[in-house]
Structure formats: structure tokens, C-alpha cells
Amino acid sequence: MMSRRIFLASSAVLTVGAGIGASLGSGTTAKAAAESFPVTHTDDEWRKLLTPDQYNVLRQEGTEYPNSSELLTEHRKGIFACAGCDQNAFSSETKFDSGTGWPSFWAPIDNAIGISRDTSFGMTRDAVHCSSCGGHLGHVFNDGPKPTGLRYCMNGVAMKFHPAAA
């Protein structure tokens, strides 16, 4: 008999695998298409500014493979910023090891992100996007640690790390 943990882990892997390379066809995130942001580029400009993996996640709402990001093991003090526009998104002070395979945080920097409803793959989740460029960063769940009880599960490829000055 399959345990609940094995079932959930298998489901997550299948969902992630199905999400990799997923495209809306427009070259922009659903959130970005629905509202305007301070930082904008054409689809061709985004493709030139971003790596293919960054473009897939930030502009097409893809998902990186679990445990593939160097930022997962980044433990220095500093700021995690959007890879699309370099807006500060999360402080290292709020980072924690969620055991999920993606960099996780219990709170964003004030006004750095937006939330939209994601109903892809037969489930309902809250997608996280950059408030400056609309780039898809990941999802937020209500199973995180105190003080917020939230887990911002981010794609490392959608962010870059800026270490604090010594």
C-alpha cells in the first residue's frame, strides 16, 4: 500500500515534470498579461535578457526541477532578487529549509511580490509574481513556520542572490 507521503511526493514530481516547459503561448505570465508593471519588455527583449530556463519560469510560469538550484543551499546573509528586473524580493533572514527541494521563505520584502490564483494541473494554488516586472517566482502555501505560517516556495532560477556587505 502506498503511503500518503510517497503519494504526495510522486504527485509533486509528476506535477513539476508536467510544468516544465509549459507555456501560455503569449510569452508572458498570465498575471503580467492582466496588468501593467513598472518594468516591461517585449517578448523578444525578455528572451534576450534571460537564459532559456529563466524565461521558461519567469515569463511562461514553468517550474525548475527540485534540488536543482544553487540558491537552495545559499546560507549567507543577503537579499534574493528577481532575476528578471533585480527587484529585491526576499531577505535571507526569512529563508528556511522546507525539505521540498526549492528555496523557501516565510515572508517576502514589503511590496515586492503579488499573488494570483493558479488553477493549472487540476489544483488551486496561489502563484507569486514580482511586483515590478510580473515575472513568475513560485507559489505560496500555508504550511510554513512561525511567525507567518507561510511557505513561499520559489524557483531559484527566477532569482539572483546579492550577499550583504561585509
N, C-alpha and C. Protein backbone atom coordinates (compact mmCIF):
# COMPACT_ATOMS: atom_id res chain seq x y z
N MET A 1 0.85 -1.18 0.00
CA MET A 1 0.00 0.00 0.00
C MET A 1 0.89 1.24 0.00
N MET A 2 0.54 2.22 -0.80
CA MET A 2 1.32 3.44 -0.93
C MET A 2 1.02 4.37 0.24
N SER A 3 2.07 4.86 0.89
CA SER A 3 1.86 5.79 1.99
C SER A 3 1.47 7.16 1.44
N ARG A 4 0.88 7.97 2.28
CA ARG A 4 0.46 9.32 1.88
C ARG A 4 1.66 10.14 1.43
N ARG A 5 2.79 10.03 2.17
CA ARG A 5 3.99 10.79 1.84
C ARG A 5 4.52 10.41 0.46
N ILE A 6 4.57 9.10 0.15
CA ILE A 6 5.05 8.66 -1.16
C ILE A 6 4.09 9.13 -2.24
N PHE A 7 2.78 9.05 -1.98
CA PHE A 7 1.80 9.51 -2.94
C PHE A 7 1.97 11.00 -3.22
N LEU A 8 2.11 11.80 -2.18
CA LEU A 8 2.25 13.25 -2.36
C LEU A 8 3.55 13.60 -3.07
N ALA A 9 4.63 12.92 -2.70
CA ALA A 9 5.91 13.17 -3.36
C ALA A 9 5.85 12.79 -4.83
N SER A 10 5.23 11.66 -5.14
CA SER A 10 5.09 11.24 -6.53
C SER A 10 4.23 12.22 -7.31
N SER A 11 3.16 12.68 -6.70
CA SER A 11 2.29 13.66 -7.35
C SER A 11 3.03 14.95 -7.62
N ALA A 12 3.85 15.38 -6.66
CA ALA A 12 4.61 16.61 -6.84
C ALA A 12 5.59 16.48 -7.99
N VAL A 13 6.29 15.36 -8.08
CA VAL A 13 7.25 15.14 -9.16
C VAL A 13 6.53 15.14 -10.50
N LEU A 14 5.39 14.48 -10.59
CA LEU A 14 4.63 14.47 -11.84
C LEU A 14 4.15 15.86 -12.21
N THR A 15 3.70 16.62 -11.22
CA THR A 15 3.23 17.98 -11.48
C THR A 15 4.36 18.86 -11.95
N VAL A 16 5.51 18.77 -11.29
CA VAL A 16 6.67 19.56 -11.69
C VAL A 16 7.10 19.18 -13.09
N GLY A 17 7.17 17.89 -13.34
CA GLY A 17 7.58 17.43 -14.68
C GLY A 17 6.63 17.93 -15.75
N ALA A 18 5.34 17.93 -15.45
CA ALA A 18 4.37 18.42 -16.42
C ALA A 18 4.49 19.91 -16.60
N GLY A 19 4.92 20.62 -15.55
CA GLY A 19 5.00 22.07 -15.61
C GLY A 19 6.23 22.58 -16.33
N ILE A 20 7.27 21.76 -16.40
CA ILE A 20 8.49 22.21 -17.05
C ILE A 20 8.23 22.34 -18.55
N GLY A 21 8.54 23.49 -19.02
CA GLY A 21 8.32 23.76 -20.44
C GLY A 21 6.90 24.19 -20.75
N ALA A 22 6.05 24.26 -19.75
CA ALA A 22 4.67 24.69 -20.00
C ALA A 22 4.68 26.14 -20.47
N SER A 23 3.85 26.43 -21.40
CA SER A 23 3.81 27.78 -21.96
C SER A 23 2.38 28.24 -22.11
N LEU A 24 2.19 29.52 -21.89
CA LEU A 24 0.88 30.11 -22.14
C LEU A 24 0.74 30.49 -23.62
N GLY A 25 1.83 30.42 -24.35
CA GLY A 25 1.80 30.74 -25.77
C GLY A 25 2.01 32.21 -26.05
N SER A 26 1.78 33.08 -25.07
CA SER A 26 1.91 34.51 -25.30
C SER A 26 3.29 35.02 -24.95
N GLY A 27 4.07 34.22 -24.25
CA GLY A 27 5.39 34.66 -23.85
C GLY A 27 5.38 35.54 -22.62
N THR A 28 4.24 35.72 -21.99
CA THR A 28 4.16 36.49 -20.76
C THR A 28 3.36 35.71 -19.75
N THR A 29 3.58 35.99 -18.48
CA THR A 29 2.80 35.31 -17.46
C THR A 29 1.36 35.78 -17.54
N ALA A 30 0.45 34.97 -17.05
CA ALA A 30 -0.96 35.36 -17.03
C ALA A 30 -1.14 36.63 -16.25
N LYS A 31 -0.42 36.76 -15.12
CA LYS A 31 -0.53 37.96 -14.30
C LYS A 31 0.00 39.17 -15.07
N ALA A 32 1.12 39.01 -15.73
CA ALA A 32 1.69 40.12 -16.48
C ALA A 32 0.78 40.55 -17.61
N ALA A 33 0.07 39.61 -18.21
CA ALA A 33 -0.85 39.94 -19.30
C ALA A 33 -2.07 40.69 -18.78
N ALA A 34 -2.43 40.47 -17.51
CA ALA A 34 -3.65 41.03 -16.95
C ALA A 34 -3.44 42.43 -16.36
N GLU A 35 -2.23 42.83 -16.07
CA GLU A 35 -1.98 44.15 -15.50
C GLU A 35 -0.65 44.68 -15.99
N SER A 36 -0.42 45.96 -15.77
CA SER A 36 0.84 46.56 -16.20
C SER A 36 1.79 46.66 -15.01
N PHE A 37 3.08 46.66 -15.31
CA PHE A 37 4.12 46.69 -14.30
C PHE A 37 5.12 47.78 -14.65
N PRO A 38 5.86 48.30 -13.66
CA PRO A 38 6.85 49.34 -13.92
C PRO A 38 7.94 48.92 -14.91
N VAL A 39 8.36 47.65 -14.86
CA VAL A 39 9.38 47.13 -15.77
C VAL A 39 8.69 46.29 -16.83
N THR A 40 8.80 46.70 -18.08
CA THR A 40 8.20 45.94 -19.18
C THR A 40 9.21 45.78 -20.33
N HIS A 41 9.04 44.70 -21.04
CA HIS A 41 9.85 44.40 -22.23
C HIS A 41 8.98 43.63 -23.20
N THR A 42 9.34 43.67 -24.45
CA THR A 42 8.66 42.82 -25.42
C THR A 42 9.11 41.38 -25.19
N ASP A 43 8.40 40.46 -25.78
CA ASP A 43 8.77 39.06 -25.66
C ASP A 43 10.19 38.82 -26.18
N ASP A 44 10.53 39.43 -27.31
CA ASP A 44 11.88 39.28 -27.86
C ASP A 44 12.94 39.84 -26.91
N GLU A 45 12.64 40.97 -26.28
CA GLU A 45 13.59 41.55 -25.32
C GLU A 45 13.78 40.64 -24.11
N TRP A 46 12.67 40.08 -23.58
CA TRP A 46 12.79 39.14 -22.46
C TRP A 46 13.66 37.96 -22.85
N ARG A 47 13.47 37.43 -24.05
CA ARG A 47 14.25 36.27 -24.49
C ARG A 47 15.74 36.60 -24.57
N LYS A 48 16.08 37.83 -24.91
CA LYS A 48 17.49 38.24 -24.97
C LYS A 48 18.06 38.52 -23.58
N LEU A 49 17.23 39.00 -22.67
CA LEU A 49 17.69 39.35 -21.32
C LEU A 49 17.85 38.15 -20.39
N LEU A 50 17.08 37.11 -20.62
CA LEU A 50 17.02 35.96 -19.73
C LEU A 50 17.62 34.72 -20.37
N THR A 51 18.10 33.80 -19.53
CA THR A 51 18.51 32.50 -20.04
C THR A 51 17.24 31.74 -20.43
N PRO A 52 17.34 30.67 -21.21
CA PRO A 52 16.14 29.90 -21.54
C PRO A 52 15.39 29.39 -20.30
N ASP A 53 16.12 28.94 -19.28
CA ASP A 53 15.46 28.46 -18.06
C ASP A 53 14.77 29.59 -17.31
N GLN A 54 15.42 30.75 -17.23
CA GLN A 54 14.80 31.90 -16.58
C GLN A 54 13.55 32.33 -17.34
N TYR A 55 13.64 32.37 -18.65
CA TYR A 55 12.49 32.75 -19.47
C TYR A 55 11.33 31.79 -19.24
N ASN A 56 11.62 30.50 -19.22
CA ASN A 56 10.58 29.50 -19.01
C ASN A 56 9.84 29.72 -17.70
N VAL A 57 10.57 29.98 -16.64
CA VAL A 57 9.93 30.17 -15.33
C VAL A 57 9.31 31.56 -15.21
N LEU A 58 10.10 32.60 -15.44
CA LEU A 58 9.62 33.96 -15.21
C LEU A 58 8.51 34.40 -16.18
N ARG A 59 8.61 34.02 -17.43
CA ARG A 59 7.66 34.53 -18.43
C ARG A 59 6.61 33.52 -18.85
N GLN A 60 6.88 32.21 -18.65
CA GLN A 60 5.93 31.19 -19.07
C GLN A 60 5.39 30.36 -17.90
N GLU A 61 5.70 30.75 -16.70
CA GLU A 61 5.22 30.10 -15.48
C GLU A 61 5.64 28.64 -15.37
N GLY A 62 6.85 28.34 -15.85
CA GLY A 62 7.39 26.99 -15.72
C GLY A 62 7.88 26.75 -14.30
N THR A 63 8.43 25.58 -14.06
CA THR A 63 8.97 25.20 -12.76
C THR A 63 10.29 24.50 -12.96
N GLU A 64 11.28 24.87 -12.17
CA GLU A 64 12.57 24.17 -12.25
C GLU A 64 12.47 22.84 -11.52
N TYR A 65 13.38 21.93 -11.84
CA TYR A 65 13.43 20.64 -11.15
C TYR A 65 13.78 20.86 -9.68
N PRO A 66 13.19 20.07 -8.78
CA PRO A 66 13.56 20.19 -7.36
C PRO A 66 15.04 19.88 -7.16
N ASN A 67 15.63 20.53 -6.19
CA ASN A 67 17.04 20.36 -5.81
C ASN A 67 18.02 20.74 -6.92
N SER A 68 17.59 21.53 -7.89
CA SER A 68 18.47 21.92 -8.99
C SER A 68 19.08 23.31 -8.82
N SER A 69 18.57 24.09 -7.89
CA SER A 69 19.03 25.47 -7.74
C SER A 69 20.17 25.60 -6.75
N GLU A 70 21.19 26.36 -7.14
CA GLU A 70 22.29 26.68 -6.23
C GLU A 70 21.79 27.51 -5.05
N LEU A 71 20.70 28.24 -5.23
CA LEU A 71 20.17 29.08 -4.16
C LEU A 71 19.54 28.25 -3.03
N LEU A 72 19.27 26.99 -3.29
CA LEU A 72 18.71 26.12 -2.26
C LEU A 72 19.65 26.03 -1.06
N THR A 73 20.95 25.99 -1.34
CA THR A 73 21.94 25.87 -0.27
C THR A 73 22.66 27.18 0.02
N GLU A 74 22.09 28.29 -0.42
CA GLU A 74 22.68 29.61 -0.12
C GLU A 74 22.28 30.01 1.29
N HIS A 75 23.29 30.16 2.17
CA HIS A 75 23.01 30.46 3.57
C HIS A 75 23.67 31.75 4.05
N ARG A 76 24.29 32.50 3.14
CA ARG A 76 24.88 33.77 3.56
C ARG A 76 23.79 34.82 3.78
N LYS A 77 24.13 35.87 4.52
CA LYS A 77 23.21 36.98 4.70
C LYS A 77 23.17 37.78 3.41
N GLY A 78 21.97 38.21 3.04
CA GLY A 78 21.83 38.99 1.83
C GLY A 78 20.38 39.05 1.37
N ILE A 79 20.23 39.39 0.11
CA ILE A 79 18.91 39.59 -0.49
C ILE A 79 18.77 38.72 -1.73
N PHE A 80 17.60 38.10 -1.86
CA PHE A 80 17.24 37.34 -3.05
C PHE A 80 16.36 38.26 -3.91
N ALA A 81 16.79 38.53 -5.12
CA ALA A 81 16.11 39.47 -6.01
C ALA A 81 15.55 38.75 -7.23
N CYS A 82 14.57 39.37 -7.86
CA CYS A 82 14.01 38.84 -9.10
C CYS A 82 15.08 38.83 -10.19
N ALA A 83 15.23 37.71 -10.87
CA ALA A 83 16.23 37.60 -11.94
C ALA A 83 15.81 38.38 -13.18
N GLY A 84 14.55 38.74 -13.27
CA GLY A 84 14.07 39.49 -14.44
C GLY A 84 14.36 40.98 -14.37
N CYS A 85 14.23 41.55 -13.17
CA CYS A 85 14.38 43.01 -13.06
C CYS A 85 15.26 43.44 -11.90
N ASP A 86 15.74 42.50 -11.12
CA ASP A 86 16.63 42.75 -9.98
C ASP A 86 15.94 43.44 -8.80
N GLN A 87 14.61 43.41 -8.75
CA GLN A 87 13.94 43.97 -7.58
C GLN A 87 14.14 43.01 -6.40
N ASN A 88 14.48 43.58 -5.23
CA ASN A 88 14.62 42.77 -4.02
C ASN A 88 13.29 42.10 -3.71
N ALA A 89 13.34 40.80 -3.41
CA ALA A 89 12.11 40.05 -3.17
C ALA A 89 12.06 39.40 -1.78
N PHE A 90 13.18 38.79 -1.35
CA PHE A 90 13.22 38.09 -0.07
C PHE A 90 14.54 38.34 0.63
N SER A 91 14.50 38.44 1.95
CA SER A 91 15.70 38.57 2.76
C SER A 91 16.15 37.19 3.21
N SER A 92 17.45 37.02 3.34
CA SER A 92 17.97 35.75 3.86
C SER A 92 17.49 35.50 5.29
N GLU A 93 17.08 36.55 5.98
CA GLU A 93 16.58 36.41 7.35
C GLU A 93 15.30 35.58 7.42
N THR A 94 14.57 35.49 6.28
CA THR A 94 13.31 34.75 6.27
C THR A 94 13.41 33.41 5.54
N LYS A 95 14.61 33.04 5.12
CA LYS A 95 14.81 31.78 4.40
C LYS A 95 14.86 30.61 5.39
N PHE A 96 14.29 29.48 4.99
CA PHE A 96 14.36 28.28 5.82
C PHE A 96 14.40 27.05 4.92
N ASP A 97 14.84 25.94 5.49
CA ASP A 97 14.91 24.68 4.76
C ASP A 97 13.57 23.97 4.90
N SER A 98 12.80 23.97 3.82
CA SER A 98 11.47 23.36 3.84
C SER A 98 11.51 21.87 3.52
N GLY A 99 12.65 21.39 2.99
CA GLY A 99 12.75 19.99 2.61
C GLY A 99 12.03 19.68 1.30
N THR A 100 11.59 20.71 0.57
CA THR A 100 10.83 20.49 -0.66
C THR A 100 11.72 20.43 -1.90
N GLY A 101 12.93 20.95 -1.81
CA GLY A 101 13.80 21.00 -2.98
C GLY A 101 13.82 22.34 -3.67
N TRP A 102 13.10 23.31 -3.13
CA TRP A 102 13.10 24.67 -3.67
C TRP A 102 13.42 25.66 -2.56
N PRO A 103 14.11 26.77 -2.88
CA PRO A 103 14.35 27.79 -1.86
C PRO A 103 13.02 28.27 -1.28
N SER A 104 12.95 28.31 0.05
CA SER A 104 11.69 28.67 0.72
C SER A 104 11.92 29.79 1.73
N PHE A 105 10.90 30.62 1.87
CA PHE A 105 10.93 31.79 2.74
C PHE A 105 9.60 31.88 3.48
N TRP A 106 9.61 32.48 4.68
CA TRP A 106 8.35 32.62 5.40
C TRP A 106 7.73 34.00 5.22
N ALA A 107 8.44 34.93 4.55
CA ALA A 107 7.86 36.26 4.27
C ALA A 107 8.67 36.94 3.17
N PRO A 108 7.99 37.71 2.31
CA PRO A 108 8.69 38.50 1.30
C PRO A 108 9.06 39.87 1.86
N ILE A 109 9.85 40.61 1.12
CA ILE A 109 10.11 42.01 1.43
C ILE A 109 8.83 42.78 1.11
N ASP A 110 8.52 43.78 1.92
CA ASP A 110 7.29 44.56 1.72
C ASP A 110 7.14 45.06 0.29
N ASN A 111 5.97 44.86 -0.27
CA ASN A 111 5.58 45.34 -1.60
C ASN A 111 6.39 44.74 -2.75
N ALA A 112 7.12 43.66 -2.51
CA ALA A 112 7.97 43.08 -3.55
C ALA A 112 7.26 42.09 -4.45
N ILE A 113 6.16 41.53 -3.97
CA ILE A 113 5.50 40.47 -4.74
C ILE A 113 4.01 40.74 -4.86
N GLY A 114 3.40 40.02 -5.78
CA GLY A 114 1.95 39.98 -5.92
C GLY A 114 1.53 38.52 -5.92
N ILE A 115 0.27 38.30 -5.65
CA ILE A 115 -0.28 36.95 -5.59
C ILE A 115 -1.44 36.85 -6.58
N SER A 116 -1.50 35.74 -7.30
CA SER A 116 -2.63 35.48 -8.20
C SER A 116 -3.02 34.01 -8.07
N ARG A 117 -4.25 33.70 -8.42
CA ARG A 117 -4.77 32.35 -8.33
C ARG A 117 -4.26 31.53 -9.52
N ASP A 118 -3.75 30.34 -9.24
CA ASP A 118 -3.24 29.43 -10.27
C ASP A 118 -4.07 28.14 -10.19
N THR A 119 -4.79 27.85 -11.26
CA THR A 119 -5.63 26.64 -11.28
C THR A 119 -5.10 25.61 -12.27
N SER A 120 -3.82 25.68 -12.61
CA SER A 120 -3.24 24.72 -13.55
C SER A 120 -3.09 23.34 -12.90
N PHE A 121 -3.03 22.33 -13.73
CA PHE A 121 -2.78 20.94 -13.33
C PHE A 121 -3.83 20.40 -12.37
N GLY A 122 -5.06 20.89 -12.46
CA GLY A 122 -6.16 20.36 -11.67
C GLY A 122 -6.12 20.69 -10.20
N MET A 123 -5.36 21.71 -9.82
CA MET A 123 -5.31 22.12 -8.41
C MET A 123 -5.38 23.64 -8.32
N THR A 124 -5.71 24.13 -7.15
CA THR A 124 -5.76 25.57 -6.93
C THR A 124 -4.63 25.95 -5.99
N ARG A 125 -3.80 26.90 -6.47
CA ARG A 125 -2.66 27.37 -5.68
C ARG A 125 -2.58 28.88 -5.81
N ASP A 126 -1.77 29.50 -4.96
CA ASP A 126 -1.51 30.93 -5.05
C ASP A 126 -0.13 31.12 -5.67
N ALA A 127 -0.11 31.69 -6.88
CA ALA A 127 1.15 31.95 -7.57
C ALA A 127 1.73 33.27 -7.09
N VAL A 128 3.05 33.33 -7.02
CA VAL A 128 3.77 34.52 -6.59
C VAL A 128 4.46 35.12 -7.80
N HIS A 129 4.26 36.43 -8.00
CA HIS A 129 4.95 37.12 -9.09
C HIS A 129 5.63 38.37 -8.57
N CYS A 130 6.64 38.83 -9.28
CA CYS A 130 7.37 40.05 -8.94
C CYS A 130 6.45 41.24 -9.17
N SER A 131 6.38 42.15 -8.21
CA SER A 131 5.51 43.31 -8.35
C SER A 131 6.08 44.36 -9.30
N SER A 132 7.34 44.21 -9.68
CA SER A 132 7.97 45.17 -10.58
C SER A 132 7.86 44.78 -12.05
N CYS A 133 8.12 43.48 -12.37
CA CYS A 133 8.10 43.05 -13.77
C CYS A 133 7.02 42.00 -14.07
N GLY A 134 6.35 41.50 -13.05
CA GLY A 134 5.32 40.49 -13.26
C GLY A 134 5.84 39.09 -13.44
N GLY A 135 7.15 38.89 -13.33
CA GLY A 135 7.74 37.57 -13.52
C GLY A 135 7.28 36.56 -12.48
N HIS A 136 6.98 35.35 -12.93
CA HIS A 136 6.55 34.26 -12.04
C HIS A 136 7.74 33.79 -11.21
N LEU A 137 7.57 33.79 -9.88
CA LEU A 137 8.64 33.37 -8.98
C LEU A 137 8.39 31.99 -8.37
N GLY A 138 7.14 31.65 -8.13
CA GLY A 138 6.82 30.37 -7.50
C GLY A 138 5.41 30.38 -6.95
N HIS A 139 5.21 29.73 -5.80
CA HIS A 139 3.89 29.63 -5.17
C HIS A 139 4.02 29.82 -3.66
N VAL A 140 2.94 30.18 -3.02
CA VAL A 140 2.92 30.31 -1.57
C VAL A 140 1.88 29.34 -1.00
N PHE A 141 2.27 28.69 0.09
CA PHE A 141 1.42 27.69 0.75
C PHE A 141 1.30 28.03 2.23
N ASN A 142 0.27 27.51 2.88
CA ASN A 142 0.03 27.83 4.29
C ASN A 142 0.58 26.76 5.24
N ASP A 143 1.70 26.16 4.88
CA ASP A 143 2.30 25.13 5.74
C ASP A 143 3.72 25.50 6.19
N GLY A 144 3.97 26.78 6.31
CA GLY A 144 5.29 27.25 6.70
C GLY A 144 5.45 27.45 8.19
N PRO A 145 6.63 27.88 8.60
CA PRO A 145 6.92 28.06 10.03
C PRO A 145 6.37 29.39 10.57
N LYS A 146 6.42 29.53 11.88
CA LYS A 146 6.08 30.79 12.53
C LYS A 146 7.15 31.81 12.14
N PRO A 147 6.87 33.06 12.09
CA PRO A 147 5.68 33.71 12.62
C PRO A 147 4.51 33.82 11.64
N THR A 148 4.73 33.56 10.35
CA THR A 148 3.64 33.77 9.37
C THR A 148 2.84 32.50 9.09
N GLY A 149 3.46 31.34 9.23
CA GLY A 149 2.81 30.09 8.86
C GLY A 149 2.76 29.89 7.35
N LEU A 150 3.50 30.72 6.61
CA LEU A 150 3.51 30.64 5.15
C LEU A 150 4.83 30.07 4.64
N ARG A 151 4.76 29.42 3.48
CA ARG A 151 5.95 28.90 2.80
C ARG A 151 5.93 29.43 1.38
N TYR A 152 6.79 30.40 1.13
CA TYR A 152 6.96 30.93 -0.22
C TYR A 152 7.97 30.01 -0.90
N CYS A 153 7.49 29.13 -1.75
CA CYS A 153 8.29 28.12 -2.43
C CYS A 153 8.71 28.70 -3.79
N MET A 154 9.95 29.14 -3.89
CA MET A 154 10.41 29.90 -5.04
C MET A 154 11.31 29.08 -5.97
N ASN A 155 11.25 29.41 -7.23
CA ASN A 155 12.16 28.83 -8.21
C ASN A 155 13.47 29.60 -8.12
N GLY A 156 14.56 28.91 -7.80
CA GLY A 156 15.85 29.58 -7.68
C GLY A 156 16.29 30.23 -8.97
N VAL A 157 15.94 29.64 -10.11
CA VAL A 157 16.34 30.20 -11.40
C VAL A 157 15.65 31.55 -11.65
N ALA A 158 14.58 31.82 -10.95
CA ALA A 158 13.85 33.08 -11.11
C ALA A 158 14.42 34.19 -10.23
N MET A 159 15.45 33.84 -9.44
CA MET A 159 16.04 34.82 -8.53
C MET A 159 17.55 34.86 -8.68
N LYS A 160 18.12 35.93 -8.15
CA LYS A 160 19.58 36.02 -8.00
C LYS A 160 19.86 36.48 -6.58
N PHE A 161 21.04 36.14 -6.08
CA PHE A 161 21.39 36.45 -4.71
C PHE A 161 22.41 37.57 -4.65
N HIS A 162 22.17 38.53 -3.77
CA HIS A 162 23.10 39.63 -3.52
C HIS A 162 23.56 39.51 -2.07
N PRO A 163 24.82 39.09 -1.85
CA PRO A 163 25.30 38.96 -0.47
C PRO A 163 25.36 40.32 0.23
N ALA A 164 25.15 40.30 1.54
CA ALA A 164 25.26 41.54 2.33
C ALA A 164 26.72 41.98 2.36
N ALA A 165 26.90 43.28 2.44
CA ALA A 165 28.25 43.82 2.53
C ALA A 165 28.88 43.39 3.85
N ALA A 166 30.16 43.09 3.80
CA ALA A 166 30.86 42.59 4.99
C ALA A 166 31.10 43.66 6.02
